[in-house]
Amino acid sequence: MNLSLTVLDETFAIHRLAPDASVPDGVFSAEFYSITKSAEELSIVAPASIDINSDHVSSDWRALKVIGPLDFALTGIMAGLATTLADADISIFAVSTYDTDYLLVKAQTLIRATNALRRAGYSIG
């Protein structure tokens, strides 16, 4: 399958907060953000420009978006992307939505990541 991806313009941060923490209002105005809550934590992926008082933060991430929507019957999409980047020794943070997938890579690995994906047959726009 020939998938196309695009690189989002923003730089992102990944935050870990207490599970009962509130989500800062500024997050909701971002073009892309992800909020995941479990019994152990509240994780927020948001543009780095949004000030979030978190317990832990990992900064300087860039996001690659798989152009969708993707059919739920498709298999191996994330596995193919993750394997390609793992083979290039690039760590990822994955976020999936109903329509598509996002891969976050550290900013300093973005060029290597896009080059590895292109070599594997993915289109990057």
PDB file of N, CA and C in Angstrom:
ATOM      1  N   MET A   1       0.844  -1.178   0.000  1.00  0.00           N
ATOM      2  CA  MET A   1       0.000   0.000   0.000  1.00  0.00           C
ATOM      3  C   MET A   1       0.892   1.244   0.000  1.00  0.00           C
ATOM      4  N   ASN A   2       0.570   2.170  -0.864  1.00  0.00           N
ATOM      5  CA  ASN A   2       1.346   3.410  -0.978  1.00  0.00           C
ATOM      6  C   ASN A   2       0.641   4.501  -0.176  1.00  0.00           C
ATOM      7  N   LEU A   3       1.148   4.761   1.017  1.00  0.00           N
ATOM      8  CA  LEU A   3       0.558   5.782   1.876  1.00  0.00           C
ATOM      9  C   LEU A   3       1.289   7.106   1.730  1.00  0.00           C
ATOM     10  N   SER A   4       0.543   8.178   1.933  1.00  0.00           N
ATOM     11  CA  SER A   4       1.124   9.517   1.929  1.00  0.00           C
ATOM     12  C   SER A   4       1.038  10.101   3.333  1.00  0.00           C
ATOM     13  N   LEU A   5       2.081  10.837   3.692  1.00  0.00           N
ATOM     14  CA  LEU A   5       2.133  11.512   4.984  1.00  0.00           C
ATOM     15  C   LEU A   5       2.453  12.973   4.761  1.00  0.00           C
ATOM     16  N   THR A   6       2.116  13.782   5.737  1.00  0.00           N
ATOM     17  CA  THR A   6       2.476  15.188   5.719  1.00  0.00           C
ATOM     18  C   THR A   6       3.076  15.544   7.077  1.00  0.00           C
ATOM     19  N   VAL A   7       3.954  16.517   7.076  1.00  0.00           N
ATOM     20  CA  VAL A   7       4.592  16.963   8.313  1.00  0.00           C
ATOM     21  C   VAL A   7       3.821  18.188   8.828  1.00  0.00           C
ATOM     22  N   LEU A   8       3.349  18.116  10.063  1.00  0.00           N
ATOM     23  CA  LEU A   8       2.671  19.268  10.659  1.00  0.00           C
ATOM     24  C   LEU A   8       3.696  20.358  10.953  1.00  0.00           C
ATOM     25  N   ASP A   9       3.257  21.606  10.892  1.00  0.00           N
ATOM     26  CA  ASP A   9       4.162  22.752  11.039  1.00  0.00           C
ATOM     27  C   ASP A   9       4.702  22.944  12.452  1.00  0.00           C
ATOM     28  N   GLU A  10       3.877  22.646  13.455  1.00  0.00           N
ATOM     29  CA  GLU A  10       4.247  22.949  14.831  1.00  0.00           C
ATOM     30  C   GLU A  10       5.287  21.989  15.394  1.00  0.00           C
ATOM     31  N   THR A  11       5.921  22.439  16.464  1.00  0.00           N
ATOM     32  CA  THR A  11       6.728  21.575  17.319  1.00  0.00           C
ATOM     33  C   THR A  11       5.850  21.259  18.526  1.00  0.00           C
ATOM     34  N   PHE A  12       5.900  20.013  18.996  1.00  0.00           N
ATOM     35  CA  PHE A  12       5.001  19.553  20.052  1.00  0.00           C
ATOM     36  C   PHE A  12       5.758  19.164  21.311  1.00  0.00           C
ATOM     37  N   ALA A  13       5.014  19.127  22.410  1.00  0.00           N
ATOM     38  CA  ALA A  13       5.506  18.613  23.677  1.00  0.00           C
ATOM     39  C   ALA A  13       4.536  17.528  24.141  1.00  0.00           C
ATOM     40  N   ILE A  14       5.083  16.534  24.835  1.00  0.00           N
ATOM     41  CA  ILE A  14       4.275  15.447  25.385  1.00  0.00           C
ATOM     42  C   ILE A  14       4.341  15.582  26.904  1.00  0.00           C
ATOM     43  N   HIS A  15       3.178  15.765  27.508  1.00  0.00           N
ATOM     44  CA  HIS A  15       3.082  16.043  28.944  1.00  0.00           C
ATOM     45  C   HIS A  15       2.460  14.869  29.690  1.00  0.00           C
ATOM     46  N   ARG A  16       2.941  14.659  30.912  1.00  0.00           N
ATOM     47  CA  ARG A  16       2.331  13.692  31.826  1.00  0.00           C
ATOM     48  C   ARG A  16       1.881  14.454  33.067  1.00  0.00           C
ATOM     49  N   LEU A  17       0.604  14.303  33.382  1.00  0.00           N
ATOM     50  CA  LEU A  17       0.029  14.942  34.551  1.00  0.00           C
ATOM     51  C   LEU A  17      -0.635  13.883  35.426  1.00  0.00           C
ATOM     52  N   ALA A  18      -1.018  14.280  36.618  1.00  0.00           N
ATOM     53  CA  ALA A  18      -1.773  13.391  37.500  1.00  0.00           C
ATOM     54  C   ALA A  18      -3.104  13.051  36.836  1.00  0.00           C
ATOM     55  N   PRO A  19      -3.648  11.878  37.118  1.00  0.00           N
ATOM     56  CA  PRO A  19      -4.890  11.478  36.440  1.00  0.00           C
ATOM     57  C   PRO A  19      -6.079  12.379  36.738  1.00  0.00           C
ATOM     58  N   ASP A  20      -6.042  13.116  37.830  1.00  0.00           N
ATOM     59  CA  ASP A  20      -7.155  14.006  38.170  1.00  0.00           C
ATOM     60  C   ASP A  20      -6.882  15.467  37.787  1.00  0.00           C
ATOM     61  N   ALA A  21      -5.808  15.708  37.049  1.00  0.00           N
ATOM     62  CA  ALA A  21      -5.470  17.074  36.638  1.00  0.00           C
ATOM     63  C   ALA A  21      -6.473  17.588  35.600  1.00  0.00           C
ATOM     64  N   SER A  22      -6.575  18.909  35.523  1.00  0.00           N
ATOM     65  CA  SER A  22      -7.430  19.545  34.526  1.00  0.00           C
ATOM     66  C   SER A  22      -6.625  19.836  33.268  1.00  0.00           C
ATOM     67  N   VAL A  23      -7.298  19.782  32.135  1.00  0.00           N
ATOM     68  CA  VAL A  23      -6.664  20.118  30.860  1.00  0.00           C
ATOM     69  C   VAL A  23      -6.719  21.640  30.702  1.00  0.00           C
ATOM     70  N   PRO A  24      -5.565  22.282  30.487  1.00  0.00           N
ATOM     71  CA  PRO A  24      -5.563  23.739  30.298  1.00  0.00           C
ATOM     72  C   PRO A  24      -6.406  24.134  29.084  1.00  0.00           C
ATOM     73  N   ASP A  25      -7.169  25.207  29.222  1.00  0.00           N
ATOM     74  CA  ASP A  25      -8.059  25.656  28.145  1.00  0.00           C
ATOM     75  C   ASP A  25      -7.328  25.888  26.832  1.00  0.00           C
ATOM     76  N   GLY A  26      -6.081  26.368  26.897  1.00  0.00           N
ATOM     77  CA  GLY A  26      -5.337  26.664  25.677  1.00  0.00           C
ATOM     78  C   GLY A  26      -5.156  25.467  24.770  1.00  0.00           C
ATOM     79  N   VAL A  27      -5.175  24.277  25.326  1.00  0.00           N
ATOM     80  CA  VAL A  27      -5.005  23.061  24.517  1.00  0.00           C
ATOM     81  C   VAL A  27      -6.111  22.954  23.479  1.00  0.00           C
ATOM     82  N   PHE A  28      -7.330  23.291  23.870  1.00  0.00           N
ATOM     83  CA  PHE A  28      -8.484  23.088  23.009  1.00  0.00           C
ATOM     84  C   PHE A  28      -8.516  23.995  21.781  1.00  0.00           C
ATOM     85  N   SER A  29      -7.691  25.032  21.759  1.00  0.00           N
ATOM     86  CA  SER A  29      -7.646  25.915  20.594  1.00  0.00           C
ATOM     87  C   SER A  29      -6.596  25.482  19.576  1.00  0.00           C
ATOM     88  N   ALA A  30      -5.799  24.460  19.902  1.00  0.00           N
ATOM     89  CA  ALA A  30      -4.754  23.996  18.994  1.00  0.00           C
ATOM     90  C   ALA A  30      -5.370  23.253  17.810  1.00  0.00           C
ATOM     91  N   GLU A  31      -4.697  23.317  16.678  1.00  0.00           N
ATOM     92  CA  GLU A  31      -5.167  22.595  15.492  1.00  0.00           C
ATOM     93  C   GLU A  31      -5.060  21.087  15.699  1.00  0.00           C
ATOM     94  N   PHE A  32      -4.007  20.641  16.373  1.00  0.00           N
ATOM     95  CA  PHE A  32      -3.853  19.220  16.703  1.00  0.00           C
ATOM     96  C   PHE A  32      -3.434  19.097  18.161  1.00  0.00           C
ATOM     97  N   TYR A  33      -4.113  18.245  18.885  1.00  0.00           N
ATOM     98  CA  TYR A  33      -3.725  17.871  20.236  1.00  0.00           C
ATOM     99  C   TYR A  33      -4.301  16.491  20.500  1.00  0.00           C
ATOM    100  N   SER A  34      -3.751  15.821  21.490  1.00  0.00           N
ATOM    101  CA  SER A  34      -4.266  14.520  21.890  1.00  0.00           C
ATOM    102  C   SER A  34      -4.274  14.467  23.409  1.00  0.00           C
ATOM    103  N   ILE A  35      -5.373  13.962  23.945  1.00  0.00           N
ATOM    104  CA  ILE A  35      -5.516  13.815  25.391  1.00  0.00           C
ATOM    105  C   ILE A  35      -5.886  12.366  25.664  1.00  0.00           C
ATOM    106  N   THR A  36      -5.118  11.716  26.526  1.00  0.00           N
ATOM    107  CA  THR A  36      -5.405  10.335  26.910  1.00  0.00           C
ATOM    108  C   THR A  36      -5.339  10.237  28.421  1.00  0.00           C
ATOM    109  N   LYS A  37      -6.368   9.638  29.009  1.00  0.00           N
ATOM    110  CA  LYS A  37      -6.417   9.486  30.453  1.00  0.00           C
ATOM    111  C   LYS A  37      -6.496   8.005  30.802  1.00  0.00           C
ATOM    112  N   SER A  38      -5.745   7.628  31.809  1.00  0.00           N
ATOM    113  CA  SER A  38      -5.833   6.285  32.387  1.00  0.00           C
ATOM    114  C   SER A  38      -5.911   6.443  33.900  1.00  0.00           C
ATOM    115  N   ALA A  39      -5.984   5.339  34.602  1.00  0.00           N
ATOM    116  CA  ALA A  39      -6.017   5.399  36.065  1.00  0.00           C
ATOM    117  C   ALA A  39      -4.721   5.963  36.627  1.00  0.00           C
ATOM    118  N   GLU A  40      -3.632   5.832  35.862  1.00  0.00           N
ATOM    119  CA  GLU A  40      -2.315   6.260  36.350  1.00  0.00           C
ATOM    120  C   GLU A  40      -1.895   7.663  35.932  1.00  0.00           C
ATOM    121  N   GLU A  41      -2.469   8.173  34.833  1.00  0.00           N
ATOM    122  CA  GLU A  41      -1.958   9.439  34.313  1.00  0.00           C
ATOM    123  C   GLU A  41      -2.930  10.107  33.351  1.00  0.00           C
ATOM    124  N   LEU A  42      -2.644  11.374  33.084  1.00  0.00           N
ATOM    125  CA  LEU A  42      -3.275  12.139  32.020  1.00  0.00           C
ATOM    126  C   LEU A  42      -2.141  12.561  31.098  1.00  0.00           C
ATOM    127  N   SER A  43      -2.186  12.119  29.840  1.00  0.00           N
ATOM    128  CA  SER A  43      -1.159  12.488  28.868  1.00  0.00           C
ATOM    129  C   SER A  43      -1.739  13.487  27.883  1.00  0.00           C
ATOM    130  N   ILE A  44      -0.970  14.518  27.600  1.00  0.00           N
ATOM    131  CA  ILE A  44      -1.396  15.538  26.646  1.00  0.00           C
ATOM    132  C   ILE A  44      -0.276  15.765  25.638  1.00  0.00           C
ATOM    133  N   VAL A  45      -0.620  15.651  24.366  1.00  0.00           N
ATOM    134  CA  VAL A  45       0.276  16.051  23.286  1.00  0.00           C
ATOM    135  C   VAL A  45      -0.294  17.360  22.759  1.00  0.00           C
ATOM    136  N   ALA A  46       0.518  18.404  22.761  1.00  0.00           N
ATOM    137  CA  ALA A  46       0.034  19.722  22.347  1.00  0.00           C
ATOM    138  C   ALA A  46       1.201  20.529  21.784  1.00  0.00           C
ATOM    139  N   PRO A  47       0.891  21.561  20.999  1.00  0.00           N
ATOM    140  CA  PRO A  47       1.971  22.424  20.525  1.00  0.00           C
ATOM    141  C   PRO A  47       2.808  22.927  21.693  1.00  0.00           C
ATOM    142  N   ALA A  48       4.102  22.993  21.481  1.00  0.00           N
ATOM    143  CA  ALA A  48       5.028  23.419  22.535  1.00  0.00           C
ATOM    144  C   ALA A  48       4.762  24.845  22.990  1.00  0.00           C
ATOM    145  N   SER A  49       4.105  25.635  22.166  1.00  0.00           N
ATOM    146  CA  SER A  49       3.817  27.029  22.527  1.00  0.00           C
ATOM    147  C   SER A  49       2.764  27.153  23.618  1.00  0.00           C
ATOM    148  N   ILE A  50       2.032  26.079  23.909  1.00  0.00           N
ATOM    149  CA  ILE A  50       1.004  26.111  24.952  1.00  0.00           C
ATOM    150  C   ILE A  50       1.660  25.784  26.289  1.00  0.00           C
ATOM    151  N   ASP A  51       1.472  26.665  27.256  1.00  0.00           N
ATOM    152  CA  ASP A  51       2.073  26.493  28.568  1.00  0.00           C
ATOM    153  C   ASP A  51       1.237  25.533  29.404  1.00  0.00           C
ATOM    154  N   ILE A  52       1.828  24.384  29.710  1.00  0.00           N
ATOM    155  CA  ILE A  52       1.148  23.379  30.532  1.00  0.00           C
ATOM    156  C   ILE A  52       2.049  23.074  31.725  1.00  0.00           C
ATOM    157  N   ASN A  53       1.501  23.217  32.915  1.00  0.00           N
ATOM    158  CA  ASN A  53       2.242  22.926  34.137  1.00  0.00           C
ATOM    159  C   ASN A  53       2.113  21.431  34.417  1.00  0.00           C
ATOM    160  N   SER A  54       3.034  20.639  33.863  1.00  0.00           N
ATOM    161  CA  SER A  54       2.940  19.188  33.963  1.00  0.00           C
ATOM    162  C   SER A  54       3.994  18.621  34.901  1.00  0.00           C
ATOM    163  N   ASP A  55       3.737  17.399  35.366  1.00  0.00           N
ATOM    164  CA  ASP A  55       4.691  16.698  36.229  1.00  0.00           C
ATOM    165  C   ASP A  55       5.963  16.346  35.460  1.00  0.00           C
ATOM    166  N   HIS A  56       5.790  15.917  34.229  1.00  0.00           N
ATOM    167  CA  HIS A  56       6.904  15.555  33.352  1.00  0.00           C
ATOM    168  C   HIS A  56       6.572  16.037  31.949  1.00  0.00           C
ATOM    169  N   VAL A  57       7.602  16.442  31.210  1.00  0.00           N
ATOM    170  CA  VAL A  57       7.391  16.872  29.830  1.00  0.00           C
ATOM    171  C   VAL A  57       8.561  16.412  28.979  1.00  0.00           C
ATOM    172  N   SER A  58       8.241  16.002  27.770  1.00  0.00           N
ATOM    173  CA  SER A  58       9.253  15.693  26.765  1.00  0.00           C
ATOM    174  C   SER A  58       8.994  16.654  25.613  1.00  0.00           C
ATOM    175  N   SER A  59       9.958  17.493  25.329  1.00  0.00           N
ATOM    176  CA  SER A  59       9.779  18.566  24.343  1.00  0.00           C
ATOM    177  C   SER A  59      10.443  18.239  23.020  1.00  0.00           C
ATOM    178  N   ASP A  60      10.183  19.115  22.051  1.00  0.00           N
ATOM    179  CA  ASP A  60      10.874  19.100  20.763  1.00  0.00           C
ATOM    180  C   ASP A  60      10.496  17.910  19.889  1.00  0.00           C
ATOM    181  N   TRP A  61       9.210  17.658  19.743  1.00  0.00           N
ATOM    182  CA  TRP A  61       8.692  16.606  18.876  1.00  0.00           C
ATOM    183  C   TRP A  61       8.052  17.218  17.637  1.00  0.00           C
ATOM    184  N   ARG A  62       8.179  16.539  16.522  1.00  0.00           N
ATOM    185  CA  ARG A  62       7.498  16.925  15.277  1.00  0.00           C
ATOM    186  C   ARG A  62       6.532  15.805  14.908  1.00  0.00           C
ATOM    187  N   ALA A  63       5.463  16.139  14.216  1.00  0.00           N
ATOM    188  CA  ALA A  63       4.418  15.160  13.912  1.00  0.00           C
ATOM    189  C   ALA A  63       4.286  14.920  12.414  1.00  0.00           C
ATOM    190  N   LEU A  64       4.181  13.648  12.070  1.00  0.00           N
ATOM    191  CA  LEU A  64       3.882  13.204  10.712  1.00  0.00           C
ATOM    192  C   LEU A  64       2.467  12.640  10.720  1.00  0.00           C
ATOM    193  N   LYS A  65       1.630  13.134   9.843  1.00  0.00           N
ATOM    194  CA  LYS A  65       0.235  12.700   9.769  1.00  0.00           C
ATOM    195  C   LYS A  65       0.054  11.822   8.540  1.00  0.00           C
ATOM    196  N   VAL A  66      -0.531  10.639   8.731  1.00  0.00           N
ATOM    197  CA  VAL A  66      -0.889   9.786   7.600  1.00  0.00           C
ATOM    198  C   VAL A  66      -2.142  10.389   6.976  1.00  0.00           C
ATOM    199  N   ILE A  67      -2.072  10.638   5.670  1.00  0.00           N
ATOM    200  CA  ILE A  67      -3.230  11.221   4.983  1.00  0.00           C
ATOM    201  C   ILE A  67      -4.355  10.181   4.971  1.00  0.00           C
ATOM    202  N   GLY A  68      -5.466  10.542   5.536  1.00  0.00           N
ATOM    203  CA  GLY A  68      -6.602   9.628   5.641  1.00  0.00           C
ATOM    204  C   GLY A  68      -7.830  10.227   4.998  1.00  0.00           C
ATOM    205  N   PRO A  69      -8.971   9.682   5.272  1.00  0.00           N
ATOM    206  CA  PRO A  69      -9.222   8.698   6.313  1.00  0.00           C
ATOM    207  C   PRO A  69      -8.780   7.291   5.897  1.00  0.00           C
ATOM    208  N   LEU A  70      -8.464   6.496   6.919  1.00  0.00           N
ATOM    209  CA  LEU A  70      -8.054   5.113   6.721  1.00  0.00           C
ATOM    210  C   LEU A  70      -9.202   4.191   7.120  1.00  0.00           C
ATOM    211  N   ASP A  71      -9.401   3.163   6.343  1.00  0.00           N
ATOM    212  CA  ASP A  71     -10.446   2.180   6.621  1.00  0.00           C
ATOM    213  C   ASP A  71      -9.995   1.279   7.762  1.00  0.00           C
ATOM    214  N   PHE A  72     -10.891   0.975   8.686  1.00  0.00           N
ATOM    215  CA  PHE A  72     -10.551   0.104   9.809  1.00  0.00           C
ATOM    216  C   PHE A  72     -10.155  -1.297   9.348  1.00  0.00           C
ATOM    217  N   ALA A  73     -10.543  -1.686   8.144  1.00  0.00           N
ATOM    218  CA  ALA A  73     -10.198  -3.020   7.640  1.00  0.00           C
ATOM    219  C   ALA A  73      -8.728  -3.111   7.217  1.00  0.00           C
ATOM    220  N   LEU A  74      -8.076  -1.971   7.028  1.00  0.00           N
ATOM    221  CA  LEU A  74      -6.668  -1.989   6.652  1.00  0.00           C
ATOM    222  C   LEU A  74      -5.833  -2.483   7.825  1.00  0.00           C
ATOM    223  N   THR A  75      -4.836  -3.286   7.521  1.00  0.00           N
ATOM    224  CA  THR A  75      -3.983  -3.822   8.580  1.00  0.00           C
ATOM    225  C   THR A  75      -2.524  -3.475   8.318  1.00  0.00           C
ATOM    226  N   GLY A  76      -1.766  -3.375   9.381  1.00  0.00           N
ATOM    227  CA  GLY A  76      -0.325  -3.208   9.279  1.00  0.00           C
ATOM    228  C   GLY A  76       0.175  -1.815   8.995  1.00  0.00           C
ATOM    229  N   ILE A  77      -0.692  -0.827   9.000  1.00  0.00           N
ATOM    230  CA  ILE A  77      -0.260   0.533   8.684  1.00  0.00           C
ATOM    231  C   ILE A  77       0.747   1.030   9.715  1.00  0.00           C
ATOM    232  N   MET A  78       0.356   1.010  10.978  1.00  0.00           N
ATOM    233  CA  MET A  78       1.258   1.494  12.026  1.00  0.00           C
ATOM    234  C   MET A  78       2.482   0.598  12.136  1.00  0.00           C
ATOM    235  N   ALA A  79       2.293  -0.701  11.966  1.00  0.00           N
ATOM    236  CA  ALA A  79       3.431  -1.631  12.046  1.00  0.00           C
ATOM    237  C   ALA A  79       4.466  -1.314  10.972  1.00  0.00           C
ATOM    238  N   GLY A  80       4.013  -1.037   9.758  1.00  0.00           N
ATOM    239  CA  GLY A  80       4.944  -0.708   8.675  1.00  0.00           C
ATOM    240  C   GLY A  80       5.697   0.585   8.934  1.00  0.00           C
ATOM    241  N   LEU A  81       4.989   1.590   9.382  1.00  0.00           N
ATOM    242  CA  LEU A  81       5.625   2.871   9.686  1.00  0.00           C
ATOM    243  C   LEU A  81       6.608   2.728  10.842  1.00  0.00           C
ATOM    244  N   ALA A  82       6.160   2.079  11.914  1.00  0.00           N
ATOM    245  CA  ALA A  82       7.004   1.921  13.098  1.00  0.00           C
ATOM    246  C   ALA A  82       8.241   1.080  12.799  1.00  0.00           C
ATOM    247  N   THR A  83       8.075   0.021  12.022  1.00  0.00           N
ATOM    248  CA  THR A  83       9.219  -0.829  11.672  1.00  0.00           C
ATOM    249  C   THR A  83      10.221  -0.068  10.825  1.00  0.00           C
ATOM    250  N   THR A  84       9.725   0.692   9.866  1.00  0.00           N
ATOM    251  CA  THR A  84      10.620   1.490   9.022  1.00  0.00           C
ATOM    252  C   THR A  84      11.452   2.437   9.869  1.00  0.00           C
ATOM    253  N   LEU A  85      10.818   3.108  10.812  1.00  0.00           N
ATOM    254  CA  LEU A  85      11.541   4.063  11.649  1.00  0.00           C
ATOM    255  C   LEU A  85      12.418   3.357  12.684  1.00  0.00           C
ATOM    256  N   ALA A  86      11.978   2.234  13.202  1.00  0.00           N
ATOM    257  CA  ALA A  86      12.814   1.469  14.137  1.00  0.00           C
ATOM    258  C   ALA A  86      14.080   0.987  13.436  1.00  0.00           C
ATOM    259  N   ASP A  87      13.938   0.532  12.189  1.00  0.00           N
ATOM    260  CA  ASP A  87      15.103   0.086  11.420  1.00  0.00           C
ATOM    261  C   ASP A  87      16.092   1.219  11.187  1.00  0.00           C
ATOM    262  N   ALA A  88      15.591   2.465  11.195  1.00  0.00           N
ATOM    263  CA  ALA A  88      16.453   3.643  11.047  1.00  0.00           C
ATOM    264  C   ALA A  88      16.889   4.181  12.404  1.00  0.00           C
ATOM    265  N   ASP A  89      16.598   3.438  13.466  1.00  0.00           N
ATOM    266  CA  ASP A  89      16.965   3.805  14.831  1.00  0.00           C
ATOM    267  C   ASP A  89      16.321   5.126  15.267  1.00  0.00           C
ATOM    268  N   ILE A  90      15.043   5.282  14.905  1.00  0.00           N
ATOM    269  CA  ILE A  90      14.296   6.491  15.245  1.00  0.00           C
ATOM    270  C   ILE A  90      13.128   6.110  16.149  1.00  0.00           C
ATOM    271  N   SER A  91      13.105   6.694  17.338  1.00  0.00           N
ATOM    272  CA  SER A  91      12.048   6.461  18.303  1.00  0.00           C
ATOM    273  C   SER A  91      10.797   7.238  17.897  1.00  0.00           C
ATOM    274  N   ILE A  92       9.627   6.669  18.190  1.00  0.00           N
ATOM    275  CA  ILE A  92       8.371   7.333  17.854  1.00  0.00           C
ATOM    276  C   ILE A  92       7.449   7.391  19.066  1.00  0.00           C
ATOM    277  N   PHE A  93       6.498   8.298  18.988  1.00  0.00           N
ATOM    278  CA  PHE A  93       5.356   8.351  19.888  1.00  0.00           C
ATOM    279  C   PHE A  93       4.152   8.363  18.965  1.00  0.00           C
ATOM    280  N   ALA A  94       3.306   7.349  19.043  1.00  0.00           N
ATOM    281  CA  ALA A  94       2.191   7.202  18.097  1.00  0.00           C
ATOM    282  C   ALA A  94       0.882   7.676  18.711  1.00  0.00           C
ATOM    283  N   VAL A  95       0.072   8.313  17.881  1.00  0.00           N
ATOM    284  CA  VAL A  95      -1.275   8.738  18.256  1.00  0.00           C
ATOM    285  C   VAL A  95      -2.205   8.327  17.120  1.00  0.00           C
ATOM    286  N   SER A  96      -3.281   7.653  17.465  1.00  0.00           N
ATOM    287  CA  SER A  96      -4.264   7.273  16.456  1.00  0.00           C
ATOM    288  C   SER A  96      -5.589   7.963  16.734  1.00  0.00           C
ATOM    289  N   THR A  97      -6.273   8.327  15.655  1.00  0.00           N
ATOM    290  CA  THR A  97      -7.605   8.900  15.751  1.00  0.00           C
ATOM    291  C   THR A  97      -8.548   7.997  14.960  1.00  0.00           C
ATOM    292  N   TYR A  98      -9.800   8.353  14.926  1.00  0.00           N
ATOM    293  CA  TYR A  98     -10.770   7.560  14.174  1.00  0.00           C
ATOM    294  C   TYR A  98     -10.375   7.481  12.704  1.00  0.00           C
ATOM    295  N   ASP A  99      -9.907   8.590  12.129  1.00  0.00           N
ATOM    296  CA  ASP A  99      -9.627   8.660  10.693  1.00  0.00           C
ATOM    297  C   ASP A  99      -8.206   8.315  10.290  1.00  0.00           C
ATOM    298  N   THR A 100      -7.229   8.500  11.181  1.00  0.00           N
ATOM    299  CA  THR A 100      -5.847   8.365  10.723  1.00  0.00           C
ATOM    300  C   THR A 100      -4.878   8.142  11.875  1.00  0.00           C
ATOM    301  N   ASP A 101      -3.601   8.127  11.539  1.00  0.00           N
ATOM    302  CA  ASP A 101      -2.536   7.940  12.519  1.00  0.00           C
ATOM    303  C   ASP A 101      -1.549   9.089  12.435  1.00  0.00           C
ATOM    304  N   TYR A 102      -0.921   9.372  13.567  1.00  0.00           N
ATOM    305  CA  TYR A 102       0.128  10.386  13.661  1.00  0.00           C
ATOM    306  C   TYR A 102       1.348   9.735  14.294  1.00  0.00           C
ATOM    307  N   LEU A 103       2.511  10.061  13.774  1.00  0.00           N
ATOM    308  CA  LEU A 103       3.771   9.618  14.363  1.00  0.00           C
ATOM    309  C   LEU A 103       4.534  10.847  14.788  1.00  0.00           C
ATOM    310  N   LEU A 104       4.913  10.899  16.040  1.00  0.00           N
ATOM    311  CA  LEU A 104       5.760  11.991  16.507  1.00  0.00           C
ATOM    312  C   LEU A 104       7.182  11.482  16.623  1.00  0.00           C
ATOM    313  N   VAL A 105       8.109  12.258  16.104  1.00  0.00           N
ATOM    314  CA  VAL A 105       9.531  11.948  16.179  1.00  0.00           C
ATOM    315  C   VAL A 105      10.234  13.176  16.741  1.00  0.00           C
ATOM    316  N   LYS A 106      11.350  12.955  17.408  1.00  0.00           N
ATOM    317  CA  LYS A 106      12.106  14.094  17.914  1.00  0.00           C
ATOM    318  C   LYS A 106      12.528  14.963  16.724  1.00  0.00           C
ATOM    319  N   ALA A 107      12.505  16.275  16.924  1.00  0.00           N
ATOM    320  CA  ALA A 107      12.785  17.223  15.846  1.00  0.00           C
ATOM    321  C   ALA A 107      14.125  16.956  15.175  1.00  0.00           C
ATOM    322  N   GLN A 108      15.138  16.578  15.966  1.00  0.00           N
ATOM    323  CA  GLN A 108      16.461  16.360  15.382  1.00  0.00           C
ATOM    324  C   GLN A 108      16.505  15.115  14.498  1.00  0.00           C
ATOM    325  N   THR A 109      15.452  14.259  14.535  1.00  0.00           N
ATOM    326  CA  THR A 109      15.428  13.070  13.685  1.00  0.00           C
ATOM    327  C   THR A 109      14.446  13.199  12.520  1.00  0.00           C
ATOM    328  N   LEU A 110      13.777  14.338  12.396  1.00  0.00           N
ATOM    329  CA  LEU A 110      12.740  14.491  11.376  1.00  0.00           C
ATOM    330  C   LEU A 110      13.266  14.232   9.964  1.00  0.00           C
ATOM    331  N   ILE A 111      14.384  14.792   9.596  1.00  0.00           N
ATOM    332  CA  ILE A 111      14.906  14.600   8.236  1.00  0.00           C
ATOM    333  C   ILE A 111      15.261  13.140   8.007  1.00  0.00           C
ATOM    334  N   ARG A 112      15.923  12.513   8.974  1.00  0.00           N
ATOM    335  CA  ARG A 112      16.237  11.082   8.837  1.00  0.00           C
ATOM    336  C   ARG A 112      14.961  10.256   8.733  1.00  0.00           C
ATOM    337  N   ALA A 113      13.934  10.625   9.510  1.00  0.00           N
ATOM    338  CA  ALA A 113      12.670   9.892   9.481  1.00  0.00           C
ATOM    339  C   ALA A 113      11.994  10.003   8.120  1.00  0.00           C
ATOM    340  N   THR A 114      11.901  11.221   7.593  1.00  0.00           N
ATOM    341  CA  THR A 114      11.244  11.376   6.294  1.00  0.00           C
ATOM    342  C   THR A 114      12.048  10.679   5.193  1.00  0.00           C
ATOM    343  N   ASN A 115      13.360  10.727   5.275  1.00  0.00           N
ATOM    344  CA  ASN A 115      14.186  10.026   4.284  1.00  0.00           C
ATOM    345  C   ASN A 115      13.976   8.518   4.364  1.00  0.00           C
ATOM    346  N   ALA A 116      13.923   7.959   5.560  1.00  0.00           N
ATOM    347  CA  ALA A 116      13.715   6.525   5.733  1.00  0.00           C
ATOM    348  C   ALA A 116      12.337   6.123   5.200  1.00  0.00           C
ATOM    349  N   LEU A 117      11.333   6.918   5.482  1.00  0.00           N
ATOM    350  CA  LEU A 117       9.991   6.613   4.997  1.00  0.00           C
ATOM    351  C   LEU A 117       9.916   6.683   3.464  1.00  0.00           C
ATOM    352  N   ARG A 118      10.552   7.677   2.882  1.00  0.00           N
ATOM    353  CA  ARG A 118      10.589   7.778   1.409  1.00  0.00           C
ATOM    354  C   ARG A 118      11.270   6.543   0.800  1.00  0.00           C
ATOM    355  N   ARG A 119      12.406   6.147   1.375  1.00  0.00           N
ATOM    356  CA  ARG A 119      13.107   4.957   0.864  1.00  0.00           C
ATOM    357  C   ARG A 119      12.232   3.717   0.940  1.00  0.00           C
ATOM    358  N   ALA A 120      11.348   3.666   1.922  1.00  0.00           N
ATOM    359  CA  ALA A 120      10.456   2.523   2.096  1.00  0.00           C
ATOM    360  C   ALA A 120       9.213   2.618   1.200  1.00  0.00           C
ATOM    361  N   GLY A 121       9.094   3.684   0.416  1.00  0.00           N
ATOM    362  CA  GLY A 121       7.989   3.799  -0.521  1.00  0.00           C
ATOM    363  C   GLY A 121       6.839   4.691  -0.098  1.00  0.00           C
ATOM    364  N   TYR A 122       6.983   5.348   1.046  1.00  0.00           N
ATOM    365  CA  TYR A 122       5.939   6.289   1.492  1.00  0.00           C
ATOM    366  C   TYR A 122       6.165   7.635   0.822  1.00  0.00           C
ATOM    367  N   SER A 123       5.080   8.362   0.560  1.00  0.00           N
ATOM    368  CA  SER A 123       5.167   9.722   0.016  1.00  0.00           C
ATOM    369  C   SER A 123       5.062  10.709   1.167  1.00  0.00           C
ATOM    370  N   ILE A 124       5.923  11.700   1.151  1.00  0.00           N
ATOM    371  CA  ILE A 124       5.899  12.743   2.178  1.00  0.00           C
ATOM    372  C   ILE A 124       5.640  14.064   1.477  1.00  0.00           C
ATOM    373  N   GLY A 125       4.536  14.706   1.836  1.00  0.00           N
ATOM    374  CA  GLY A 125       4.190  15.964   1.180  1.00  0.00           C
ATOM    375  C   GLY A 125       4.329  17.141   2.090  1.00  0.00           C
TER     376      GLY A 125
END
